[in-house]
PDB file of N, CA and C in Angstrom:
ATOM      1  N   MET A   1      69.751 120.058  75.394  1.00  0.00           N
ATOM      2  CA  MET A   1      69.219 120.941  76.473  1.00  0.00           C
ATOM      3  C   MET A   1      68.210 120.119  77.593  1.00  0.00           C
ATOM      4  N   ALA A   2      68.616 120.377  78.838  1.00  0.00           N
ATOM      5  CA  ALA A   2      67.672 119.926  79.998  1.00  0.00           C
ATOM      6  C   ALA A   2      66.733 120.936  80.285  1.00  0.00           C
ATOM      7  N   TYR A   3      65.589 120.166  80.162  1.00  0.00           N
ATOM      8  CA  TYR A   3      64.430 121.088  80.670  1.00  0.00           C
ATOM      9  C   TYR A   3      64.097 120.478  81.855  1.00  0.00           C
ATOM     10  N   LEU A   4      64.467 120.537  83.170  1.00  0.00           N
ATOM     11  CA  LEU A   4      64.469 120.201  84.495  1.00  0.00           C
ATOM     12  C   LEU A   4      63.654 121.210  85.394  1.00  0.00           C
ATOM     13  N   THR A   5      62.905 120.780  85.922  1.00  0.00           N
ATOM     14  CA  THR A   5      61.854 121.498  87.322  1.00  0.00           C
ATOM     15  C   THR A   5      63.191 121.915  87.966  1.00  0.00           C
ATOM     16  N   ASP A   6      63.061 122.739  89.207  1.00  0.00           N
ATOM     17  CA  ASP A   6      63.695 123.183  90.140  1.00  0.00           C
ATOM     18  C   ASP A   6      63.739 121.798  91.282  1.00  0.00           C
ATOM     19  N   ARG A   7      62.802 121.405  91.304  1.00  0.00           N
ATOM     20  CA  ARG A   7      62.784 120.166  91.980  1.00  0.00           C
ATOM     21  C   ARG A   7      63.354 119.103  91.569  1.00  0.00           C
ATOM     22  N   LYS A   8      63.306 118.797  90.470  1.00  0.00           N
ATOM     23  CA  LYS A   8      64.570 117.716  89.655  1.00  0.00           C
ATOM     24  C   LYS A   8      66.037 118.401  89.913  1.00  0.00           C
ATOM     25  N   ARG A   9      66.478 119.444  89.709  1.00  0.00           N
ATOM     26  CA  ARG A   9      67.826 120.026  89.727  1.00  0.00           C
ATOM     27  C   ARG A   9      68.209 119.526  91.471  1.00  0.00           C
ATOM     28  N   ALA A  10      67.278 120.105  92.260  1.00  0.00           N
ATOM     29  CA  ALA A  10      67.585 119.782  93.310  1.00  0.00           C
ATOM     30  C   ALA A  10      67.833 118.733  94.218  1.00  0.00           C
ATOM     31  N   GLN A  11      67.032 117.719  93.448  1.00  0.00           N
ATOM     32  CA  GLN A  11      66.815 116.179  93.949  1.00  0.00           C
ATOM     33  C   GLN A  11      68.539 115.436  94.131  1.00  0.00           C
ATOM     34  N   GLY A  12      68.669 115.119  95.183  1.00  0.00           N
ATOM     35  CA  GLY A  12      69.817 114.269  95.748  1.00  0.00           C
ATOM     36  C   GLY A  12      70.914 115.050  96.007  1.00  0.00           C
ATOM     37  N   THR A  13      70.706 116.428  96.341  1.00  0.00           N
ATOM     38  CA  THR A  13      71.571 117.243  96.808  1.00  0.00           C
ATOM     39  C   THR A  13      71.223 117.881  98.080  1.00  0.00           C
ATOM     40  N   GLY A  14      69.973 117.418  98.583  1.00  0.00           N
ATOM     41  CA  GLY A  14      69.804 117.605  99.863  1.00  0.00           C
ATOM     42  C   GLY A  14      70.122 117.066 100.951  1.00  0.00           C
ATOM     43  N   SER A  15      68.782 117.142 102.011  1.00  0.00           N
ATOM     44  CA  SER A  15      69.303 116.430 103.369  1.00  0.00           C
ATOM     45  C   SER A  15      69.799 114.942 103.089  1.00  0.00           C
ATOM     46  N   GLY A  16      70.557 114.374 103.842  1.00  0.00           N
ATOM     47  CA  GLY A  16      71.006 113.079 104.149  1.00  0.00           C
ATOM     48  C   GLY A  16      70.634 112.427 105.072  1.00  0.00           C
ATOM     49  N   ARG A  17      69.631 113.112 105.659  1.00  0.00           N
ATOM     50  CA  ARG A  17      68.868 112.769 106.958  1.00  0.00           C
ATOM     51  C   ARG A  17      69.966 111.941 108.076  1.00  0.00           C
ATOM     52  N   GLN A  18      70.732 112.971 107.946  1.00  0.00           N
ATOM     53  CA  GLN A  18      72.036 112.183 109.093  1.00  0.00           C
ATOM     54  C   GLN A  18      72.383 113.285 110.095  1.00  0.00           C
ATOM     55  N   GLY A  19      72.021 114.257 109.832  1.00  0.00           N
ATOM     56  CA  GLY A  19      72.165 115.829 110.740  1.00  0.00           C
ATOM     57  C   GLY A  19      71.773 115.762 112.261  1.00  0.00           C
ATOM     58  N   THR A  20      70.657 115.286 112.397  1.00  0.00           N
ATOM     59  CA  THR A  20      69.931 115.254 113.454  1.00  0.00           C
ATOM     60  C   THR A  20      71.025 114.189 114.435  1.00  0.00           C
ATOM     61  N   MET A  21      71.404 112.915 113.568  1.00  0.00           N
ATOM     62  CA  MET A  21      72.138 111.852 114.553  1.00  0.00           C
ATOM     63  C   MET A  21      73.443 112.254 114.866  1.00  0.00           C
ATOM     64  N   HIS A  22      74.012 112.949 113.799  1.00  0.00           N
ATOM     65  CA  HIS A  22      75.294 113.785 113.913  1.00  0.00           C
ATOM     66  C   HIS A  22      75.354 114.754 115.225  1.00  0.00           C
ATOM     67  N   HIS A  23      74.485 115.649 115.273  1.00  0.00           N
ATOM     68  CA  HIS A  23      74.040 116.705 116.114  1.00  0.00           C
ATOM     69  C   HIS A  23      74.435 116.123 117.665  1.00  0.00           C
ATOM     70  N   TRP A  24      73.124 115.199 117.755  1.00  0.00           N
ATOM     71  CA  TRP A  24      73.020 114.244 119.156  1.00  0.00           C
ATOM     72  C   TRP A  24      74.335 113.520 119.460  1.00  0.00           C
ATOM     73  N   GLN A  25      74.922 112.977 118.549  1.00  0.00           N
ATOM     74  CA  GLN A  25      76.300 112.316 118.895  1.00  0.00           C
ATOM     75  C   GLN A  25      77.224 112.977 119.540  1.00  0.00           C
ATOM     76  N   MET A  26      77.318 114.501 119.037  1.00  0.00           N
ATOM     77  CA  MET A  26      78.169 115.190 119.142  1.00  0.00           C
ATOM     78  C   MET A  26      77.917 116.085 120.449  1.00  0.00           C
ATOM     79  N   LEU A  27      76.478 116.381 120.745  1.00  0.00           N
ATOM     80  CA  LEU A  27      76.192 116.887 122.060  1.00  0.00           C
ATOM     81  C   LEU A  27      76.292 115.641 123.185  1.00  0.00           C
ATOM     82  N   VAL A  28      76.096 114.666 123.026  1.00  0.00           N
ATOM     83  CA  VAL A  28      76.350 113.847 123.967  1.00  0.00           C
ATOM     84  C   VAL A  28      77.676 113.379 124.275  1.00  0.00           C
ATOM     85  N   SER A  29      78.751 113.608 123.269  1.00  0.00           N
ATOM     86  CA  SER A  29      79.918 113.535 123.605  1.00  0.00           C
ATOM     87  C   SER A  29      80.732 114.857 123.816  1.00  0.00           C
ATOM     88  N   SER A  30      80.330 115.868 123.924  1.00  0.00           N
ATOM     89  CA  SER A  30      80.608 117.168 124.117  1.00  0.00           C
ATOM     90  C   SER A  30      80.272 117.516 126.015  1.00  0.00           C
ATOM     91  N   ILE A  31      78.944 117.082 126.052  1.00  0.00           N
ATOM     92  CA  ILE A  31      78.585 116.977 127.460  1.00  0.00           C
ATOM     93  C   ILE A  31      79.541 116.166 128.177  1.00  0.00           C
ATOM     94  N   LEU A  32      79.907 114.741 127.648  1.00  0.00           N
ATOM     95  CA  LEU A  32      80.658 113.801 128.630  1.00  0.00           C
ATOM     96  C   LEU A  32      81.946 114.719 128.452  1.00  0.00           C
ATOM     97  N   LEU A  33      82.587 115.216 127.885  1.00  0.00           N
ATOM     98  CA  LEU A  33      83.702 115.697 127.828  1.00  0.00           C
ATOM     99  C   LEU A  33      83.919 116.854 128.606  1.00  0.00           C
ATOM    100  N   VAL A  34      82.678 117.585 129.057  1.00  0.00           N
ATOM    101  CA  VAL A  34      82.603 118.635 129.786  1.00  0.00           C
ATOM    102  C   VAL A  34      82.666 118.407 131.393  1.00  0.00           C
ATOM    103  N   VAL A  35      82.312 117.197 131.421  1.00  0.00           N
ATOM    104  CA  VAL A  35      82.620 116.332 132.774  1.00  0.00           C
ATOM    105  C   VAL A  35      84.015 115.812 133.116  1.00  0.00           C
ATOM    106  N   LEU A  36      84.326 115.088 131.922  1.00  0.00           N
ATOM    107  CA  LEU A  36      85.623 114.365 132.051  1.00  0.00           C
ATOM    108  C   LEU A  36      86.651 114.823 132.028  1.00  0.00           C
ATOM    109  N   VAL A  37      86.904 116.004 131.081  1.00  0.00           N
ATOM    110  CA  VAL A  37      88.084 116.677 131.378  1.00  0.00           C
ATOM    111  C   VAL A  37      88.806 117.211 132.564  1.00  0.00           C
ATOM    112  N   PRO A  38      87.855 117.807 132.996  1.00  0.00           N
ATOM    113  CA  PRO A  38      88.449 118.636 134.004  1.00  0.00           C
ATOM    114  C   PRO A  38      88.693 117.541 135.307  1.00  0.00           C
ATOM    115  N   LEU A  39      87.687 116.312 135.129  1.00  0.00           N
ATOM    116  CA  LEU A  39      87.965 115.227 135.969  1.00  0.00           C
ATOM    117  C   LEU A  39      89.373 114.679 136.068  1.00  0.00           C
ATOM    118  N   PHE A  40      89.666 114.427 134.813  1.00  0.00           N
ATOM    119  CA  PHE A  40      90.722 113.576 134.243  1.00  0.00           C
ATOM    120  C   PHE A  40      92.188 114.425 134.622  1.00  0.00           C
ATOM    121  N   VAL A  41      91.875 115.930 134.470  1.00  0.00           N
ATOM    122  CA  VAL A  41      93.000 116.807 134.576  1.00  0.00           C
ATOM    123  C   VAL A  41      93.237 116.845 135.963  1.00  0.00           C
ATOM    124  N   LEU A  42      92.343 116.673 137.243  1.00  0.00           N
ATOM    125  CA  LEU A  42      92.371 116.767 138.328  1.00  0.00           C
ATOM    126  C   LEU A  42      92.874 115.468 139.078  1.00  0.00           C
ATOM    127  N   THR A  43      92.545 114.238 138.276  1.00  0.00           N
ATOM    128  CA  THR A  43      93.292 112.759 138.573  1.00  0.00           C
ATOM    129  C   THR A  43      94.407 112.772 137.927  1.00  0.00           C
ATOM    130  N   PHE A  44      95.030 113.317 136.793  1.00  0.00           N
ATOM    131  CA  PHE A  44      96.166 113.150 136.461  1.00  0.00           C
ATOM    132  C   PHE A  44      97.163 114.038 137.327  1.00  0.00           C
ATOM    133  N   GLY A  45      96.823 115.215 137.686  1.00  0.00           N
ATOM    134  CA  GLY A  45      97.321 116.296 138.358  1.00  0.00           C
ATOM    135  C   GLY A  45      97.838 115.709 140.005  1.00  0.00           C
ATOM    136  N   ILE A  46      96.887 114.811 140.417  1.00  0.00           N
ATOM    137  CA  ILE A  46      97.251 114.080 141.686  1.00  0.00           C
ATOM    138  C   ILE A  46      98.489 113.073 141.413  1.00  0.00           C
ATOM    139  N   GLY A  47      98.319 112.590 140.310  1.00  0.00           N
ATOM    140  CA  GLY A  47      98.998 111.319 140.230  1.00  0.00           C
ATOM    141  C   GLY A  47     100.554 111.671 139.695  1.00  0.00           C
ATOM    142  N   LEU A  48     100.690 113.020 139.498  1.00  0.00           N
ATOM    143  CA  LEU A  48     102.060 113.550 139.341  1.00  0.00           C
ATOM    144  C   LEU A  48     103.172 113.956 140.281  1.00  0.00           C
ATOM    145  N   GLY A  49     104.166 114.317 140.301  1.00  0.00           N
ATOM    146  CA  GLY A  49     104.804 114.629 141.097  1.00  0.00           C
ATOM    147  C   GLY A  49     105.550 113.347 142.212  1.00  0.00           C
ATOM    148  N   GLY A  50     105.191 111.994 142.051  1.00  0.00           N
ATOM    149  CA  GLY A  50     105.624 111.213 142.671  1.00  0.00           C
ATOM    150  C   GLY A  50     106.936 110.334 142.141  1.00  0.00           C
ATOM    151  N   THR A  51     107.238 109.446 142.734  1.00  0.00           N
ATOM    152  CA  THR A  51     108.179 108.607 142.220  1.00  0.00           C
ATOM    153  C   THR A  51     107.591 107.889 140.882  1.00  0.00           C
ATOM    154  N   TYR A  52     108.347 106.909 140.281  1.00  0.00           N
ATOM    155  CA  TYR A  52     107.660 106.075 139.212  1.00  0.00           C
ATOM    156  C   TYR A  52     106.941 105.042 139.595  1.00  0.00           C
ATOM    157  N   GLU A  53     107.195 104.266 140.877  1.00  0.00           N
ATOM    158  CA  GLU A  53     106.482 103.504 141.546  1.00  0.00           C
ATOM    159  C   GLU A  53     105.050 103.898 142.265  1.00  0.00           C
ATOM    160  N   GLU A  54     105.436 105.106 142.525  1.00  0.00           N
ATOM    161  CA  GLU A  54     103.937 105.603 143.241  1.00  0.00           C
ATOM    162  C   GLU A  54     103.196 105.832 142.381  1.00  0.00           C
ATOM    163  N   THR A  55     103.559 106.842 141.000  1.00  0.00           N
ATOM    164  CA  THR A  55     102.490 106.649 140.010  1.00  0.00           C
ATOM    165  C   THR A  55     102.317 105.371 139.362  1.00  0.00           C
ATOM    166  N   LEU A  56     102.515 104.448 139.362  1.00  0.00           N
ATOM    167  CA  LEU A  56     102.312 103.514 138.636  1.00  0.00           C
ATOM    168  C   LEU A  56     101.213 102.854 139.882  1.00  0.00           C
ATOM    169  N   ALA A  57     101.447 102.781 141.071  1.00  0.00           N
ATOM    170  CA  ALA A  57     100.618 102.400 141.922  1.00  0.00           C
ATOM    171  C   ALA A  57      99.345 103.327 142.092  1.00  0.00           C
ATOM    172  N   TYR A  58      99.298 104.374 141.671  1.00  0.00           N
ATOM    173  CA  TYR A  58      98.132 105.446 141.773  1.00  0.00           C
ATOM    174  C   TYR A  58      97.388 105.278 140.555  1.00  0.00           C
ATOM    175  N   PHE A  59      97.937 104.784 139.502  1.00  0.00           N
ATOM    176  CA  PHE A  59      97.083 104.834 137.800  1.00  0.00           C
ATOM    177  C   PHE A  59      96.577 103.181 138.341  1.00  0.00           C
ATOM    178  N   SER A  60      97.101 102.387 138.822  1.00  0.00           N
ATOM    179  CA  SER A  60      96.587 100.930 139.018  1.00  0.00           C
ATOM    180  C   SER A  60      95.295 100.880 139.925  1.00  0.00           C
ATOM    181  N   ARG A  61      95.039 101.857 140.511  1.00  0.00           N
ATOM    182  CA  ARG A  61      93.859 101.724 141.157  1.00  0.00           C
ATOM    183  C   ARG A  61      92.570 102.156 140.255  1.00  0.00           C
ATOM    184  N   PRO A  62      91.637 101.477 140.488  1.00  0.00           N
ATOM    185  CA  PRO A  62      90.529 101.930 139.468  1.00  0.00           C
ATOM    186  C   PRO A  62      89.960 103.135 139.209  1.00  0.00           C
ATOM    187  N   PHE A  63      89.756 103.852 139.861  1.00  0.00           N
ATOM    188  CA  PHE A  63      88.921 105.100 139.659  1.00  0.00           C
ATOM    189  C   PHE A  63      90.007 105.967 138.625  1.00  0.00           C
ATOM    190  N   PRO A  64      91.297 106.109 138.808  1.00  0.00           N
ATOM    191  CA  PRO A  64      91.865 107.427 138.061  1.00  0.00           C
ATOM    192  C   PRO A  64      92.194 106.535 136.579  1.00  0.00           C
ATOM    193  N   ALA A  65      92.242 105.122 136.407  1.00  0.00           N
ATOM    194  CA  ALA A  65      92.275 104.179 135.323  1.00  0.00           C
ATOM    195  C   ALA A  65      91.157 104.266 134.507  1.00  0.00           C
ATOM    196  N   ILE A  66      89.755 104.270 135.252  1.00  0.00           N
ATOM    197  CA  ILE A  66      88.456 104.305 134.390  1.00  0.00           C
ATOM    198  C   ILE A  66      88.729 105.867 133.775  1.00  0.00           C
ATOM    199  N   VAL A  67      88.601 106.718 134.864  1.00  0.00           N
ATOM    200  CA  VAL A  67      88.386 108.154 134.232  1.00  0.00           C
ATOM    201  C   VAL A  67      89.581 108.221 132.851  1.00  0.00           C
ATOM    202  N   THR A  68      90.663 108.030 133.251  1.00  0.00           N
ATOM    203  CA  THR A  68      91.495 108.152 132.040  1.00  0.00           C
ATOM    204  C   THR A  68      90.843 107.443 130.808  1.00  0.00           C
ATOM    205  N   ALA A  69      90.575 105.976 130.772  1.00  0.00           N
ATOM    206  CA  ALA A  69      89.743 105.274 130.039  1.00  0.00           C
ATOM    207  C   ALA A  69      88.829 106.031 129.359  1.00  0.00           C
ATOM    208  N   LEU A  70      87.998 106.678 130.028  1.00  0.00           N
ATOM    209  CA  LEU A  70      86.950 107.093 129.477  1.00  0.00           C
ATOM    210  C   LEU A  70      87.275 108.543 128.609  1.00  0.00           C
ATOM    211  N   CYS A  71      88.044 109.312 129.384  1.00  0.00           N
ATOM    212  CA  CYS A  71      88.507 110.538 128.943  1.00  0.00           C
ATOM    213  C   CYS A  71      88.853 110.190 127.474  1.00  0.00           C
ATOM    214  N   LEU A  72      89.856 109.361 127.348  1.00  0.00           N
ATOM    215  CA  LEU A  72      90.478 108.866 125.943  1.00  0.00           C
ATOM    216  C   LEU A  72      89.546 108.459 124.768  1.00  0.00           C
ATOM    217  N   ILE A  73      88.737 107.431 125.400  1.00  0.00           N
ATOM    218  CA  ILE A  73      87.733 107.110 124.320  1.00  0.00           C
ATOM    219  C   ILE A  73      86.743 107.801 123.755  1.00  0.00           C
ATOM    220  N   VAL A  74      86.159 108.597 124.777  1.00  0.00           N
ATOM    221  CA  VAL A  74      85.394 109.735 124.572  1.00  0.00           C
ATOM    222  C   VAL A  74      85.634 111.074 123.665  1.00  0.00           C
ATOM    223  N   GLY A  75      86.861 111.281 124.110  1.00  0.00           N
ATOM    224  CA  GLY A  75      87.645 112.346 123.114  1.00  0.00           C
ATOM    225  C   GLY A  75      88.182 111.779 121.836  1.00  0.00           C
ATOM    226  N   ILE A  76      88.672 110.603 121.514  1.00  0.00           N
ATOM    227  CA  ILE A  76      89.167 110.148 120.386  1.00  0.00           C
ATOM    228  C   ILE A  76      87.862 110.111 119.542  1.00  0.00           C
ATOM    229  N   LEU A  77      86.829 109.839 120.316  1.00  0.00           N
ATOM    230  CA  LEU A  77      85.735 109.272 119.120  1.00  0.00           C
ATOM    231  C   LEU A  77      85.259 110.702 118.810  1.00  0.00           C
ATOM    232  N   HIS A  78      85.073 111.741 119.530  1.00  0.00           N
ATOM    233  CA  HIS A  78      84.645 113.237 119.415  1.00  0.00           C
ATOM    234  C   HIS A  78      85.259 113.775 118.215  1.00  0.00           C
ATOM    235  N   PHE A  79      86.512 113.643 118.648  1.00  0.00           N
ATOM    236  CA  PHE A  79      87.558 114.113 117.297  1.00  0.00           C
ATOM    237  C   PHE A  79      87.402 113.207 116.121  1.00  0.00           C
ATOM    238  N   LYS A  80      87.413 111.839 116.042  1.00  0.00           N
ATOM    239  CA  LYS A  80      86.746 111.131 114.497  1.00  0.00           C
ATOM    240  C   LYS A  80      85.516 111.565 113.919  1.00  0.00           C
ATOM    241  N   ARG A  81      84.511 111.984 114.880  1.00  0.00           N
ATOM    242  CA  ARG A  81      83.156 112.280 114.226  1.00  0.00           C
ATOM    243  C   ARG A  81      83.161 113.490 113.677  1.00  0.00           C
ATOM    244  N   GLU A  82      84.022 114.620 114.241  1.00  0.00           N
ATOM    245  CA  GLU A  82      84.272 115.753 113.664  1.00  0.00           C
ATOM    246  C   GLU A  82      85.189 115.600 112.550  1.00  0.00           C
ATOM    247  N   ALA A  83      85.959 115.246 112.536  1.00  0.00           N
ATOM    248  CA  ALA A  83      87.338 115.117 111.461  1.00  0.00           C
ATOM    249  C   ALA A  83      86.285 114.587 110.328  1.00  0.00           C
ATOM    250  N   GLU A  84      85.356 113.539 110.521  1.00  0.00           N
ATOM    251  CA  GLU A  84      84.631 113.200 109.546  1.00  0.00           C
ATOM    252  C   GLU A  84      83.744 113.888 108.943  1.00  0.00           C
ATOM    253  N   GLU A  85      83.102 115.037 109.610  1.00  0.00           N
ATOM    254  CA  GLU A  85      82.351 116.018 109.249  1.00  0.00           C
ATOM    255  C   GLU A  85      82.939 116.955 108.217  1.00  0.00           C
ATOM    256  N   ALA A  86      84.224 117.345 108.724  1.00  0.00           N
ATOM    257  CA  ALA A  86      84.941 118.220 107.916  1.00  0.00           C
ATOM    258  C   ALA A  86      85.415 117.503 106.572  1.00  0.00           C
ATOM    259  N   ILE A  87      85.849 116.383 106.544  1.00  0.00           N
ATOM    260  CA  ILE A  87      86.094 115.562 105.409  1.00  0.00           C
ATOM    261  C   ILE A  87      84.869 115.417 104.176  1.00  0.00           C
ATOM    262  N   GLU A  88      83.544 115.314 105.103  1.00  0.00           N
ATOM    263  CA  GLU A  88      82.506 114.834 103.893  1.00  0.00           C
ATOM    264  C   GLU A  88      82.319 116.400 103.466  1.00  0.00           C
ATOM    265  N   ASP A  89      82.510 117.637 104.152  1.00  0.00           N
ATOM    266  CA  ASP A  89      82.002 119.100 104.023  1.00  0.00           C
ATOM    267  C   ASP A  89      83.338 119.422 102.657  1.00  0.00           C
ATOM    268  N   TYR A  90      84.355 119.055 102.588  1.00  0.00           N
ATOM    269  CA  TYR A  90      85.563 119.434 102.220  1.00  0.00           C
ATOM    270  C   TYR A  90      86.426 118.606 100.956  1.00  0.00           C
ATOM    271  N   MET A  91      85.769 117.484 101.192  1.00  0.00           N
ATOM    272  CA  MET A  91      86.645 116.472 100.167  1.00  0.00           C
ATOM    273  C   MET A  91      85.162 115.690  99.357  1.00  0.00           C
ATOM    274  N   HIS A  92      85.740 115.069  98.094  1.00  0.00           N
ATOM    275  CA  HIS A  92      84.888 114.169  97.358  1.00  0.00           C
ATOM    276  C   HIS A  92      85.658 113.133  96.571  1.00  0.00           C
ATOM    277  N   GLY A  93      84.523 112.206  96.400  1.00  0.00           N
ATOM    278  CA  GLY A  93      85.096 111.219  95.713  1.00  0.00           C
ATOM    279  C   GLY A  93      86.176 110.222  96.170  1.00  0.00           C
ATOM    280  N   VAL A  94      87.226 109.596  95.574  1.00  0.00           N
ATOM    281  CA  VAL A  94      88.075 108.636  96.310  1.00  0.00           C
ATOM    282  C   VAL A  94      88.950 109.030  97.136  1.00  0.00           C
ATOM    283  N   ALA A  95      89.440 110.413  97.002  1.00  0.00           N
ATOM    284  CA  ALA A  95      89.965 111.302  98.205  1.00  0.00           C
ATOM    285  C   ALA A  95      89.408 111.067  99.683  1.00  0.00           C
ATOM    286  N   GLU A  96      87.981 111.300  99.296  1.00  0.00           N
ATOM    287  CA  GLU A  96      87.006 111.275 100.583  1.00  0.00           C
ATOM    288  C   GLU A  96      87.165 109.879 101.176  1.00  0.00           C
ATOM    289  N   ARG A  97      86.867 109.029 100.468  1.00  0.00           N
ATOM    290  CA  ARG A  97      86.538 107.521 100.797  1.00  0.00           C
ATOM    291  C   ARG A  97      88.184 107.068 101.784  1.00  0.00           C
ATOM    292  N   LEU A  98      88.762 107.572 100.877  1.00  0.00           N
ATOM    293  CA  LEU A  98      90.633 106.984 101.478  1.00  0.00           C
ATOM    294  C   LEU A  98      90.809 107.864 102.763  1.00  0.00           C
ATOM    295  N   THR A  99      90.106 109.055 102.882  1.00  0.00           N
ATOM    296  CA  THR A  99      90.751 110.044 104.086  1.00  0.00           C
ATOM    297  C   THR A  99      89.680 109.394 105.230  1.00  0.00           C
ATOM    298  N   PHE A 100      88.384 109.098 105.036  1.00  0.00           N
ATOM    299  CA  PHE A 100      87.339 108.464 105.945  1.00  0.00           C
ATOM    300  C   PHE A 100      88.025 107.388 106.667  1.00  0.00           C
ATOM    301  N   ILE A 101      88.837 106.245 105.590  1.00  0.00           N
ATOM    302  CA  ILE A 101      89.295 105.155 106.170  1.00  0.00           C
ATOM    303  C   ILE A 101      90.543 105.713 107.166  1.00  0.00           C
ATOM    304  N   ALA A 102      91.625 106.433 106.665  1.00  0.00           N
ATOM    305  CA  ALA A 102      92.506 106.900 107.328  1.00  0.00           C
ATOM    306  C   ALA A 102      92.188 107.272 108.671  1.00  0.00           C
ATOM    307  N   VAL A 103      91.275 108.339 108.933  1.00  0.00           N
ATOM    308  CA  VAL A 103      91.035 108.858 110.115  1.00  0.00           C
ATOM    309  C   VAL A 103      90.023 107.659 111.052  1.00  0.00           C
ATOM    310  N   GLY A 104      89.677 106.962 110.276  1.00  0.00           N
ATOM    311  CA  GLY A 104      88.639 105.802 110.964  1.00  0.00           C
ATOM    312  C   GLY A 104      89.881 104.695 111.787  1.00  0.00           C
ATOM    313  N   ALA A 105      91.192 104.522 111.112  1.00  0.00           N
ATOM    314  CA  ALA A 105      92.013 103.905 111.645  1.00  0.00           C
ATOM    315  C   ALA A 105      92.883 104.150 112.341  1.00  0.00           C
ATOM    316  N   LEU A 106      93.187 105.818 112.356  1.00  0.00           N
ATOM    317  CA  LEU A 106      93.999 106.498 113.052  1.00  0.00           C
ATOM    318  C   LEU A 106      93.336 106.442 114.457  1.00  0.00           C
ATOM    319  N   ALA A 107      92.117 106.761 114.219  1.00  0.00           N
ATOM    320  CA  ALA A 107      91.298 106.959 115.778  1.00  0.00           C
ATOM    321  C   ALA A 107      91.126 105.558 116.655  1.00  0.00           C
ATOM    322  N   TYR A 108      90.920 104.448 115.821  1.00  0.00           N
ATOM    323  CA  TYR A 108      91.025 103.219 116.284  1.00  0.00           C
ATOM    324  C   TYR A 108      92.142 102.194 116.856  1.00  0.00           C
ATOM    325  N   THR A 109      93.322 103.003 116.336  1.00  0.00           N
ATOM    326  CA  THR A 109      94.717 102.707 116.401  1.00  0.00           C
ATOM    327  C   THR A 109      95.187 103.352 117.867  1.00  0.00           C
ATOM    328  N   LEU A 110      94.684 104.818 117.612  1.00  0.00           N
ATOM    329  CA  LEU A 110      94.869 105.463 119.000  1.00  0.00           C
ATOM    330  C   LEU A 110      94.370 105.156 120.088  1.00  0.00           C
ATOM    331  N   ILE A 111      93.190 104.642 120.231  1.00  0.00           N
ATOM    332  CA  ILE A 111      92.190 104.277 121.317  1.00  0.00           C
ATOM    333  C   ILE A 111      92.828 102.665 121.693  1.00  0.00           C
ATOM    334  N   ALA A 112      93.054 101.858 120.923  1.00  0.00           N
ATOM    335  CA  ALA A 112      93.850 100.680 121.379  1.00  0.00           C
ATOM    336  C   ALA A 112      95.105 100.642 121.863  1.00  0.00           C
ATOM    337  N   VAL A 113      95.950 101.419 121.297  1.00  0.00           N
ATOM    338  CA  VAL A 113      97.431 102.081 121.731  1.00  0.00           C
ATOM    339  C   VAL A 113      97.158 102.470 123.434  1.00  0.00           C
ATOM    340  N   ALA A 114      96.214 103.366 123.295  1.00  0.00           N
ATOM    341  CA  ALA A 114      96.138 104.085 124.788  1.00  0.00           C
ATOM    342  C   ALA A 114      95.563 103.237 125.649  1.00  0.00           C
ATOM    343  N   LEU A 115      94.479 102.495 125.489  1.00  0.00           N
ATOM    344  CA  LEU A 115      93.745 101.246 126.403  1.00  0.00           C
ATOM    345  C   LEU A 115      95.030 100.076 126.656  1.00  0.00           C
ATOM    346  N   PHE A 116      95.663  99.802 125.708  1.00  0.00           N
ATOM    347  CA  PHE A 116      96.744  98.755 125.887  1.00  0.00           C
ATOM    348  C   PHE A 116      97.923  99.172 127.177  1.00  0.00           C
ATOM    349  N   ALA A 117      98.399 100.825 127.052  1.00  0.00           N
ATOM    350  CA  ALA A 117      99.434 101.342 127.515  1.00  0.00           C
ATOM    351  C   ALA A 117      98.810 101.380 128.819  1.00  0.00           C
ATOM    352  N   LEU A 118      97.430 101.827 129.183  1.00  0.00           N
ATOM    353  CA  LEU A 118      96.802 101.702 130.442  1.00  0.00           C
ATOM    354  C   LEU A 118      96.791 100.745 131.349  1.00  0.00           C
ATOM    355  N   ILE A 119      96.050  99.749 130.403  1.00  0.00           N
ATOM    356  CA  ILE A 119      96.214  98.008 131.007  1.00  0.00           C
ATOM    357  C   ILE A 119      97.238  97.755 131.647  1.00  0.00           C
ATOM    358  N   LYS A 120      98.625  97.971 130.529  1.00  0.00           N
ATOM    359  CA  LYS A 120      99.721  97.511 131.072  1.00  0.00           C
ATOM    360  C   LYS A 120     100.149  98.552 132.501  1.00  0.00           C
ATOM    361  N   ILE A 121     100.104  99.668 132.662  1.00  0.00           N
ATOM    362  CA  ILE A 121     100.191 100.292 133.805  1.00  0.00           C
ATOM    363  C   ILE A 121      99.103  99.653 135.250  1.00  0.00           C
ATOM    364  N   ALA A 122      98.074  99.333 134.604  1.00  0.00           N
ATOM    365  CA  ALA A 122      97.184  99.252 135.869  1.00  0.00           C
ATOM    366  C   ALA A 122      97.413  97.825 136.565  1.00  0.00           C
ATOM    367  N   LEU A 123      97.733  97.155 135.515  1.00  0.00           N
ATOM    368  CA  LEU A 123      98.167  95.953 135.960  1.00  0.00           C
ATOM    369  C   LEU A 123      99.361  95.314 136.323  1.00  0.00           C
TER     370      LEU A 123
END
């Protein structure tokens, strides 16, 4: 029979002291996405409708390439942080760690592939 106080029973199950950092990261990336997504949609829309060569020439200019890259990076990292938060809430043990690794690998692979494709178009 365990004679534990309320404090001892609750110890180790409370705050991880990371909620504020996660909140600020998500807030900053959300604000960036509020600005970047409409800018990206506008930039992408202007680039559509031309021939293949015109579209390549348009995305080889610095402004459309930078807006596209920033939107991709911020959007994918925002997705990664939120997916990790959901995994943290609903999974435990080895499955949690393996899913963290898979989400991180997927996110950074998507960023690498997207930037590689953008660089191939821009150069």
